[in-house]
Amino acid sequence: MIVDAEKSIHWKIKKLSAKVKLAISQQLLDLEQIDNIAQIKFEKLKGQNNRYKIRIGNHRIVYKVITDVHIQITAIADRKSIYKRLFEISF
C-alpha cells in the first residue's frame, strides 16, 4: 500500500513522546505492508467525507482513501484536539 503524508505530519510526529512516536511509526509501517485498504482496521469519521481514523492510545491517525492501495495521512494528534482541527478543515 502507498501511504502519503502531508508535510506537517512529519513535524508533528517529531514533537510526540518517544513511546507514542514508536507506536505511530509502527502503525505507519504496518499500513505500508498491507495490500488492500480492506485489510485496515479503521473507523469512519462522522460528518467527514472519505476520512477515517485509526486509534493509537489517546492519539488518532486520520487519513483519506485515494484508491484501494493508496491512502493519505491528513492528521496525527491527541484525541482531545484532533476533532476540533478536523472540523476547521474544509471538506
PDB file of N, CA and C in Angstrom:
ATOM      1  N   MET A   1       0.840  -1.172   0.000  1.00  0.00           N
ATOM      2  CA  MET A   1       0.000   0.000   0.000  1.00  0.00           C
ATOM      3  C   MET A   1       0.888   1.239   0.000  1.00  0.00           C
ATOM      4  N   ILE A   2       0.440   2.262  -0.677  1.00  0.00           N
ATOM      5  CA  ILE A   2       1.144   3.536  -0.706  1.00  0.00           C
ATOM      6  C   ILE A   2       0.564   4.414   0.393  1.00  0.00           C
ATOM      7  N   VAL A   3       1.430   4.919   1.272  1.00  0.00           N
ATOM      8  CA  VAL A   3       0.994   5.789   2.359  1.00  0.00           C
ATOM      9  C   VAL A   3       1.685   7.135   2.175  1.00  0.00           C
ATOM     10  N   ASP A   4       0.908   8.163   1.834  1.00  0.00           N
ATOM     11  CA  ASP A   4       1.413   9.530   1.721  1.00  0.00           C
ATOM     12  C   ASP A   4       1.092  10.257   3.010  1.00  0.00           C
ATOM     13  N   ALA A   5       1.830  11.316   3.265  1.00  0.00           N
ATOM     14  CA  ALA A   5       1.528  12.153   4.417  1.00  0.00           C
ATOM     15  C   ALA A   5       1.729  13.608   4.032  1.00  0.00           C
ATOM     16  N   GLU A   6       0.867  14.464   4.550  1.00  0.00           N
ATOM     17  CA  GLU A   6       1.054  15.887   4.337  1.00  0.00           C
ATOM     18  C   GLU A   6       2.339  16.317   5.026  1.00  0.00           C
ATOM     19  N   LYS A   7       2.962  17.384   4.555  1.00  0.00           N
ATOM     20  CA  LYS A   7       4.266  17.823   5.061  1.00  0.00           C
ATOM     21  C   LYS A   7       4.257  18.080   6.565  1.00  0.00           C
ATOM     22  N   SER A   8       3.191  18.626   7.084  1.00  0.00           N
ATOM     23  CA  SER A   8       3.126  18.964   8.506  1.00  0.00           C
ATOM     24  C   SER A   8       3.100  17.733   9.410  1.00  0.00           C
ATOM     25  N   ILE A   9       2.750  16.574   8.870  1.00  0.00           N
ATOM     26  CA  ILE A   9       2.654  15.351   9.670  1.00  0.00           C
ATOM     27  C   ILE A   9       4.013  14.959  10.238  1.00  0.00           C
ATOM     28  N   HIS A  10       5.054  15.027   9.421  1.00  0.00           N
ATOM     29  CA  HIS A  10       6.393  14.642   9.882  1.00  0.00           C
ATOM     30  C   HIS A  10       6.843  15.521  11.044  1.00  0.00           C
ATOM     31  N   TRP A  11       6.539  16.798  10.983  1.00  0.00           N
ATOM     32  CA  TRP A  11       6.898  17.724  12.047  1.00  0.00           C
ATOM     33  C   TRP A  11       6.128  17.398  13.326  1.00  0.00           C
ATOM     34  N   LYS A  12       4.858  17.056  13.188  1.00  0.00           N
ATOM     35  CA  LYS A  12       4.032  16.738  14.357  1.00  0.00           C
ATOM     36  C   LYS A  12       4.488  15.441  15.026  1.00  0.00           C
ATOM     37  N   ILE A  13       4.910  14.466  14.243  1.00  0.00           N
ATOM     38  CA  ILE A  13       5.389  13.206  14.818  1.00  0.00           C
ATOM     39  C   ILE A  13       6.652  13.445  15.638  1.00  0.00           C
ATOM     40  N   LYS A  14       7.531  14.308  15.181  1.00  0.00           N
ATOM     41  CA  LYS A  14       8.772  14.600  15.903  1.00  0.00           C
ATOM     42  C   LYS A  14       8.510  15.194  17.284  1.00  0.00           C
ATOM     43  N   LYS A  15       7.393  15.902  17.453  1.00  0.00           N
ATOM     44  CA  LYS A  15       7.087  16.557  18.719  1.00  0.00           C
ATOM     45  C   LYS A  15       6.459  15.619  19.757  1.00  0.00           C
ATOM     46  N   LEU A  16       6.101  14.405  19.365  1.00  0.00           N
ATOM     47  CA  LEU A  16       5.445  13.466  20.282  1.00  0.00           C
ATOM     48  C   LEU A  16       6.459  12.805  21.207  1.00  0.00           C
ATOM     49  N   SER A  17       5.963  12.224  22.287  1.00  0.00           N
ATOM     50  CA  SER A  17       6.831  11.481  23.203  1.00  0.00           C
ATOM     51  C   SER A  17       7.376  10.251  22.493  1.00  0.00           C
ATOM     52  N   ALA A  18       8.463   9.717  23.004  1.00  0.00           N
ATOM     53  CA  ALA A  18       9.125   8.571  22.371  1.00  0.00           C
ATOM     54  C   ALA A  18       8.197   7.360  22.274  1.00  0.00           C
ATOM     55  N   LYS A  19       7.424   7.103  23.309  1.00  0.00           N
ATOM     56  CA  LYS A  19       6.522   5.948  23.325  1.00  0.00           C
ATOM     57  C   LYS A  19       5.438   6.082  22.259  1.00  0.00           C
ATOM     58  N   VAL A  20       4.835   7.248  22.159  1.00  0.00           N
ATOM     59  CA  VAL A  20       3.781   7.491  21.175  1.00  0.00           C
ATOM     60  C   VAL A  20       4.364   7.502  19.774  1.00  0.00           C
ATOM     61  N   LYS A  21       5.529   8.115  19.625  1.00  0.00           N
ATOM     62  CA  LYS A  21       6.197   8.164  18.322  1.00  0.00           C
ATOM     63  C   LYS A  21       6.483   6.759  17.808  1.00  0.00           C
ATOM     64  N   LEU A  22       6.934   5.881  18.684  1.00  0.00           N
ATOM     65  CA  LEU A  22       7.217   4.497  18.310  1.00  0.00           C
ATOM     66  C   LEU A  22       5.947   3.773  17.882  1.00  0.00           C
ATOM     67  N   ALA A  23       4.866   3.949  18.633  1.00  0.00           N
ATOM     68  CA  ALA A  23       3.597   3.282  18.305  1.00  0.00           C
ATOM     69  C   ALA A  23       3.044   3.774  16.967  1.00  0.00           C
ATOM     70  N   ILE A  24       3.107   5.066  16.728  1.00  0.00           N
ATOM     71  CA  ILE A  24       2.604   5.622  15.475  1.00  0.00           C
ATOM     72  C   ILE A  24       3.485   5.192  14.313  1.00  0.00           C
ATOM     73  N   SER A  25       4.787   5.223  14.491  1.00  0.00           N
ATOM     74  CA  SER A  25       5.701   4.790  13.431  1.00  0.00           C
ATOM     75  C   SER A  25       5.464   3.332  13.071  1.00  0.00           C
ATOM     76  N   GLN A  26       5.246   2.494  14.084  1.00  0.00           N
ATOM     77  CA  GLN A  26       4.974   1.075  13.832  1.00  0.00           C
ATOM     78  C   GLN A  26       3.666   0.904  13.066  1.00  0.00           C
ATOM     79  N   GLN A  27       2.656   1.675  13.428  1.00  0.00           N
ATOM     80  CA  GLN A  27       1.370   1.591  12.721  1.00  0.00           C
ATOM     81  C   GLN A  27       1.528   2.019  11.264  1.00  0.00           C
ATOM     82  N   LEU A  28       2.309   3.060  11.010  1.00  0.00           N
ATOM     83  CA  LEU A  28       2.527   3.513   9.637  1.00  0.00           C
ATOM     84  C   LEU A  28       3.299   2.475   8.828  1.00  0.00           C
ATOM     85  N   LEU A  29       4.263   1.818   9.458  1.00  0.00           N
ATOM     86  CA  LEU A  29       4.976   0.731   8.776  1.00  0.00           C
ATOM     87  C   LEU A  29       4.043  -0.434   8.463  1.00  0.00           C
ATOM     88  N   ASP A  30       3.165  -0.753   9.409  1.00  0.00           N
ATOM     89  CA  ASP A  30       2.184  -1.817   9.186  1.00  0.00           C
ATOM     90  C   ASP A  30       1.253  -1.474   8.026  1.00  0.00           C
ATOM     91  N   LEU A  31       0.858  -0.209   7.924  1.00  0.00           N
ATOM     92  CA  LEU A  31      -0.008   0.210   6.827  1.00  0.00           C
ATOM     93  C   LEU A  31       0.677   0.030   5.473  1.00  0.00           C
ATOM     94  N   GLU A  32       1.967   0.284   5.420  1.00  0.00           N
ATOM     95  CA  GLU A  32       2.702   0.129   4.158  1.00  0.00           C
ATOM     96  C   GLU A  32       2.781  -1.330   3.719  1.00  0.00           C
ATOM     97  N   GLN A  33       2.688  -2.267   4.652  1.00  0.00           N
ATOM     98  CA  GLN A  33       2.776  -3.688   4.336  1.00  0.00           C
ATOM     99  C   GLN A  33       1.455  -4.282   3.860  1.00  0.00           C
ATOM    100  N   ILE A  34       0.371  -3.572   4.059  1.00  0.00           N
ATOM    101  CA  ILE A  34      -0.957  -4.062   3.687  1.00  0.00           C
ATOM    102  C   ILE A  34      -1.144  -3.956   2.175  1.00  0.00           C
ATOM    103  N   ASP A  35      -1.801  -4.960   1.597  1.00  0.00           N
ATOM    104  CA  ASP A  35      -2.008  -4.996   0.148  1.00  0.00           C
ATOM    105  C   ASP A  35      -3.237  -4.225  -0.312  1.00  0.00           C
ATOM    106  N   ASN A  36      -4.258  -4.132   0.544  1.00  0.00           N
ATOM    107  CA  ASN A  36      -5.517  -3.536   0.127  1.00  0.00           C
ATOM    108  C   ASN A  36      -6.135  -2.802   1.313  1.00  0.00           C
ATOM    109  N   ILE A  37      -6.859  -1.743   1.035  1.00  0.00           N
ATOM    110  CA  ILE A  37      -7.494  -0.915   2.062  1.00  0.00           C
ATOM    111  C   ILE A  37      -8.458  -1.713   2.940  1.00  0.00           C
ATOM    112  N   ALA A  38      -9.018  -2.774   2.415  1.00  0.00           N
ATOM    113  CA  ALA A  38      -9.979  -3.590   3.161  1.00  0.00           C
ATOM    114  C   ALA A  38      -9.333  -4.283   4.364  1.00  0.00           C
ATOM    115  N   GLN A  39      -8.022  -4.380   4.390  1.00  0.00           N
ATOM    116  CA  GLN A  39      -7.331  -5.054   5.487  1.00  0.00           C
ATOM    117  C   GLN A  39      -7.050  -4.141   6.684  1.00  0.00           C
ATOM    118  N   ILE A  40      -7.350  -2.856   6.572  1.00  0.00           N
ATOM    119  CA  ILE A  40      -7.085  -1.909   7.651  1.00  0.00           C
ATOM    120  C   ILE A  40      -8.228  -1.936   8.654  1.00  0.00           C
ATOM    121  N   LYS A  41      -7.881  -1.974   9.936  1.00  0.00           N
ATOM    122  CA  LYS A  41      -8.882  -1.859  10.996  1.00  0.00           C
ATOM    123  C   LYS A  41      -9.052  -0.364  11.275  1.00  0.00           C
ATOM    124  N   PHE A  42     -10.199   0.198  10.908  1.00  0.00           N
ATOM    125  CA  PHE A  42     -10.401   1.631  10.971  1.00  0.00           C
ATOM    126  C   PHE A  42     -11.833   1.964  11.345  1.00  0.00           C
ATOM    127  N   GLU A  43     -12.072   3.256  11.605  1.00  0.00           N
ATOM    128  CA  GLU A  43     -13.417   3.754  11.844  1.00  0.00           C
ATOM    129  C   GLU A  43     -13.638   4.955  10.943  1.00  0.00           C
ATOM    130  N   LYS A  44     -14.798   5.037  10.339  1.00  0.00           N
ATOM    131  CA  LYS A  44     -15.125   6.204   9.509  1.00  0.00           C
ATOM    132  C   LYS A  44     -15.450   7.375  10.425  1.00  0.00           C
ATOM    133  N   LEU A  45     -14.984   8.564  10.059  1.00  0.00           N
ATOM    134  CA  LEU A  45     -15.294   9.758  10.835  1.00  0.00           C
ATOM    135  C   LEU A  45     -16.682  10.259  10.467  1.00  0.00           C
ATOM    136  N   LYS A  46     -17.480  10.511  11.470  1.00  0.00           N
ATOM    137  CA  LYS A  46     -18.822  11.027  11.227  1.00  0.00           C
ATOM    138  C   LYS A  46     -18.720  12.466  10.720  1.00  0.00           C
ATOM    139  N   GLY A  47     -19.537  12.788   9.739  1.00  0.00           N
ATOM    140  CA  GLY A  47     -19.560  14.148   9.219  1.00  0.00           C
ATOM    141  C   GLY A  47     -18.415  14.482   8.288  1.00  0.00           C
ATOM    142  N   GLN A  48     -17.593  13.511   7.959  1.00  0.00           N
ATOM    143  CA  GLN A  48     -16.449  13.734   7.070  1.00  0.00           C
ATOM    144  C   GLN A  48     -16.570  12.798   5.878  1.00  0.00           C
ATOM    145  N   ASN A  49     -16.381  13.329   4.706  1.00  0.00           N
ATOM    146  CA  ASN A  49     -16.415  12.510   3.506  1.00  0.00           C
ATOM    147  C   ASN A  49     -15.064  11.861   3.284  1.00  0.00           C
ATOM    148  N   ASN A  50     -15.059  10.556   3.169  1.00  0.00           N
ATOM    149  CA  ASN A  50     -13.857   9.814   2.800  1.00  0.00           C
ATOM    150  C   ASN A  50     -12.709   9.975   3.795  1.00  0.00           C
ATOM    151  N   ARG A  51     -12.999  10.209   5.068  1.00  0.00           N
ATOM    152  CA  ARG A  51     -11.951  10.299   6.094  1.00  0.00           C
ATOM    153  C   ARG A  51     -12.189   9.230   7.149  1.00  0.00           C
ATOM    154  N   TYR A  52     -11.092   8.637   7.580  1.00  0.00           N
ATOM    155  CA  TYR A  52     -11.135   7.538   8.531  1.00  0.00           C
ATOM    156  C   TYR A  52     -10.105   7.774   9.615  1.00  0.00           C
ATOM    157  N   LYS A  53     -10.257   7.058  10.741  1.00  0.00           N
ATOM    158  CA  LYS A  53      -9.293   7.214  11.827  1.00  0.00           C
ATOM    159  C   LYS A  53      -8.812   5.853  12.300  1.00  0.00           C
ATOM    160  N   ILE A  54      -7.593   5.858  12.796  1.00  0.00           N
ATOM    161  CA  ILE A  54      -7.019   4.697  13.456  1.00  0.00           C
ATOM    162  C   ILE A  54      -6.638   5.148  14.854  1.00  0.00           C
ATOM    163  N   ARG A  55      -7.085   4.418  15.863  1.00  0.00           N
ATOM    164  CA  ARG A  55      -6.798   4.767  17.258  1.00  0.00           C
ATOM    165  C   ARG A  55      -5.472   4.163  17.691  1.00  0.00           C
ATOM    166  N   ILE A  56      -4.661   4.981  18.327  1.00  0.00           N
ATOM    167  CA  ILE A  56      -3.416   4.521  18.942  1.00  0.00           C
ATOM    168  C   ILE A  56      -3.364   5.182  20.314  1.00  0.00           C
ATOM    169  N   GLY A  57      -3.852   4.478  21.319  1.00  0.00           N
ATOM    170  CA  GLY A  57      -3.920   5.062  22.659  1.00  0.00           C
ATOM    171  C   GLY A  57      -4.803   6.295  22.632  1.00  0.00           C
ATOM    172  N   ASN A  58      -4.272   7.423  23.102  1.00  0.00           N
ATOM    173  CA  ASN A  58      -5.010   8.678  23.105  1.00  0.00           C
ATOM    174  C   ASN A  58      -4.805   9.485  21.829  1.00  0.00           C
ATOM    175  N   HIS A  59      -4.081   8.943  20.882  1.00  0.00           N
ATOM    176  CA  HIS A  59      -3.810   9.639  19.630  1.00  0.00           C
ATOM    177  C   HIS A  59      -4.601   9.011  18.488  1.00  0.00           C
ATOM    178  N   ARG A  60      -4.797   9.804  17.444  1.00  0.00           N
ATOM    179  CA  ARG A  60      -5.512   9.343  16.275  1.00  0.00           C
ATOM    180  C   ARG A  60      -4.702   9.641  15.018  1.00  0.00           C
ATOM    181  N   ILE A  61      -4.724   8.689  14.093  1.00  0.00           N
ATOM    182  CA  ILE A  61      -4.189   8.906  12.754  1.00  0.00           C
ATOM    183  C   ILE A  61      -5.407   9.051  11.860  1.00  0.00           C
ATOM    184  N   VAL A  62      -5.540  10.189  11.216  1.00  0.00           N
ATOM    185  CA  VAL A  62      -6.666  10.439  10.320  1.00  0.00           C
ATOM    186  C   VAL A  62      -6.139  10.407   8.893  1.00  0.00           C
ATOM    187  N   TYR A  63      -6.858   9.716   8.033  1.00  0.00           N
ATOM    188  CA  TYR A  63      -6.416   9.598   6.653  1.00  0.00           C
ATOM    189  C   TYR A  63      -7.607   9.615   5.717  1.00  0.00           C
ATOM    190  N   LYS A  64      -7.321   9.866   4.451  1.00  0.00           N
ATOM    191  CA  LYS A  64      -8.353   9.751   3.431  1.00  0.00           C
ATOM    192  C   LYS A  64      -7.904   8.728   2.408  1.00  0.00           C
ATOM    193  N   VAL A  65      -8.865   8.052   1.826  1.00  0.00           N
ATOM    194  CA  VAL A  65      -8.602   6.997   0.859  1.00  0.00           C
ATOM    195  C   VAL A  65      -8.521   7.629  -0.529  1.00  0.00           C
ATOM    196  N   ILE A  66      -7.399   7.382  -1.207  1.00  0.00           N
ATOM    197  CA  ILE A  66      -7.227   7.855  -2.577  1.00  0.00           C
ATOM    198  C   ILE A  66      -7.677   6.755  -3.548  1.00  0.00           C
ATOM    199  N   THR A  67      -7.127   5.551  -3.394  1.00  0.00           N
ATOM    200  CA  THR A  67      -7.548   4.371  -4.164  1.00  0.00           C
ATOM    201  C   THR A  67      -7.545   3.181  -3.212  1.00  0.00           C
ATOM    202  N   ASP A  68      -7.774   1.988  -3.739  1.00  0.00           N
ATOM    203  CA  ASP A  68      -7.769   0.778  -2.899  1.00  0.00           C
ATOM    204  C   ASP A  68      -6.395   0.469  -2.329  1.00  0.00           C
ATOM    205  N   VAL A  69      -5.358   1.025  -2.905  1.00  0.00           N
ATOM    206  CA  VAL A  69      -3.999   0.748  -2.437  1.00  0.00           C
ATOM    207  C   VAL A  69      -3.227   2.022  -2.103  1.00  0.00           C
ATOM    208  N   HIS A  70      -3.934   3.150  -1.935  1.00  0.00           N
ATOM    209  CA  HIS A  70      -3.274   4.426  -1.670  1.00  0.00           C
ATOM    210  C   HIS A  70      -4.092   5.236  -0.672  1.00  0.00           C
ATOM    211  N   ILE A  71      -3.461   5.609   0.450  1.00  0.00           N
ATOM    212  CA  ILE A  71      -4.106   6.482   1.424  1.00  0.00           C
ATOM    213  C   ILE A  71      -3.212   7.683   1.685  1.00  0.00           C
ATOM    214  N   GLN A  72      -3.812   8.771   2.161  1.00  0.00           N
ATOM    215  CA  GLN A  72      -3.046   9.958   2.518  1.00  0.00           C
ATOM    216  C   GLN A  72      -3.344  10.317   3.966  1.00  0.00           C
ATOM    217  N   ILE A  73      -2.291  10.363   4.791  1.00  0.00           N
ATOM    218  CA  ILE A  73      -2.433  10.752   6.185  1.00  0.00           C
ATOM    219  C   ILE A  73      -2.658  12.256   6.215  1.00  0.00           C
ATOM    220  N   THR A  74      -3.738  12.697   6.854  1.00  0.00           N
ATOM    221  CA  THR A  74      -4.047  14.125   6.895  1.00  0.00           C
ATOM    222  C   THR A  74      -3.833  14.744   8.271  1.00  0.00           C
ATOM    223  N   ALA A  75      -3.838  13.924   9.325  1.00  0.00           N
ATOM    224  CA  ALA A  75      -3.650  14.462  10.667  1.00  0.00           C
ATOM    225  C   ALA A  75      -3.219  13.366  11.629  1.00  0.00           C
ATOM    226  N   ILE A  76      -2.366  13.761  12.572  1.00  0.00           N
ATOM    227  CA  ILE A  76      -1.991  12.907  13.697  1.00  0.00           C
ATOM    228  C   ILE A  76      -1.951  13.819  14.916  1.00  0.00           C
ATOM    229  N   ALA A  77      -2.758  13.495  15.911  1.00  0.00           N
ATOM    230  CA  ALA A  77      -2.792  14.339  17.106  1.00  0.00           C
ATOM    231  C   ALA A  77      -3.509  13.611  18.238  1.00  0.00           C
ATOM    232  N   ASP A  78      -3.465  14.229  19.404  1.00  0.00           N
ATOM    233  CA  ASP A  78      -4.175  13.744  20.574  1.00  0.00           C
ATOM    234  C   ASP A  78      -5.676  13.822  20.314  1.00  0.00           C
ATOM    235  N   ARG A  79      -6.416  12.884  20.857  1.00  0.00           N
ATOM    236  CA  ARG A  79      -7.853  12.815  20.592  1.00  0.00           C
ATOM    237  C   ARG A  79      -8.590  14.061  21.068  1.00  0.00           C
ATOM    238  N   LYS A  80      -8.056  14.739  22.089  1.00  0.00           N
ATOM    239  CA  LYS A  80      -8.733  15.926  22.616  1.00  0.00           C
ATOM    240  C   LYS A  80      -8.709  17.089  21.631  1.00  0.00           C
ATOM    241  N   SER A  81      -7.672  17.155  20.812  1.00  0.00           N
ATOM    242  CA  SER A  81      -7.543  18.315  19.924  1.00  0.00           C
ATOM    243  C   SER A  81      -7.802  18.005  18.457  1.00  0.00           C
ATOM    244  N   ILE A  82      -7.716  16.764  18.066  1.00  0.00           N
ATOM    245  CA  ILE A  82      -7.783  16.455  16.638  1.00  0.00           C
ATOM    246  C   ILE A  82      -9.154  16.742  16.037  1.00  0.00           C
ATOM    247  N   TYR A  83     -10.219  16.492  16.762  1.00  0.00           N
ATOM    248  CA  TYR A  83     -11.546  16.668  16.196  1.00  0.00           C
ATOM    249  C   TYR A  83     -11.877  18.146  15.998  1.00  0.00           C
ATOM    250  N   LYS A  84     -11.397  19.008  16.879  1.00  0.00           N
ATOM    251  CA  LYS A  84     -11.601  20.451  16.698  1.00  0.00           C
ATOM    252  C   LYS A  84     -10.938  20.912  15.414  1.00  0.00           C
ATOM    253  N   ARG A  85      -9.713  20.442  15.178  1.00  0.00           N
ATOM    254  CA  ARG A  85      -8.986  20.835  13.971  1.00  0.00           C
ATOM    255  C   ARG A  85      -9.607  20.244  12.717  1.00  0.00           C
ATOM    256  N   LEU A  86     -10.103  19.038  12.802  1.00  0.00           N
ATOM    257  CA  LEU A  86     -10.684  18.394  11.620  1.00  0.00           C
ATOM    258  C   LEU A  86     -11.902  19.148  11.113  1.00  0.00           C
ATOM    259  N   PHE A  87     -12.706  19.635  12.013  1.00  0.00           N
ATOM    260  CA  PHE A  87     -13.909  20.320  11.573  1.00  0.00           C
ATOM    261  C   PHE A  87     -13.620  21.745  11.122  1.00  0.00           C
ATOM    262  N   GLU A  88     -12.397  22.232  11.352  1.00  0.00           N
ATOM    263  CA  GLU A  88     -11.966  23.506  10.794  1.00  0.00           C
ATOM    264  C   GLU A  88     -11.463  23.336   9.368  1.00  0.00           C
ATOM    265  N   ILE A  89     -11.022  22.092   9.024  1.00  0.00           N
ATOM    266  CA  ILE A  89     -10.530  21.800   7.689  1.00  0.00           C
ATOM    267  C   ILE A  89     -11.712  21.724   6.741  1.00  0.00           C
ATOM    268  N   SER A  90     -11.581  22.333   5.583  1.00  0.00           N
ATOM    269  CA  SER A  90     -12.674  22.255   4.620  1.00  0.00           C
ATOM    270  C   SER A  90     -12.754  20.856   4.036  1.00  0.00           C
ATOM    271  N   PHE A  91     -13.932  20.392   3.751  1.00  0.00           N
ATOM    272  CA  PHE A  91     -14.121  19.026   3.267  1.00  0.00           C
ATOM    273  C   PHE A  91     -13.828  19.004   1.810  1.00  0.00           C
TER     274      PHE A  91
END
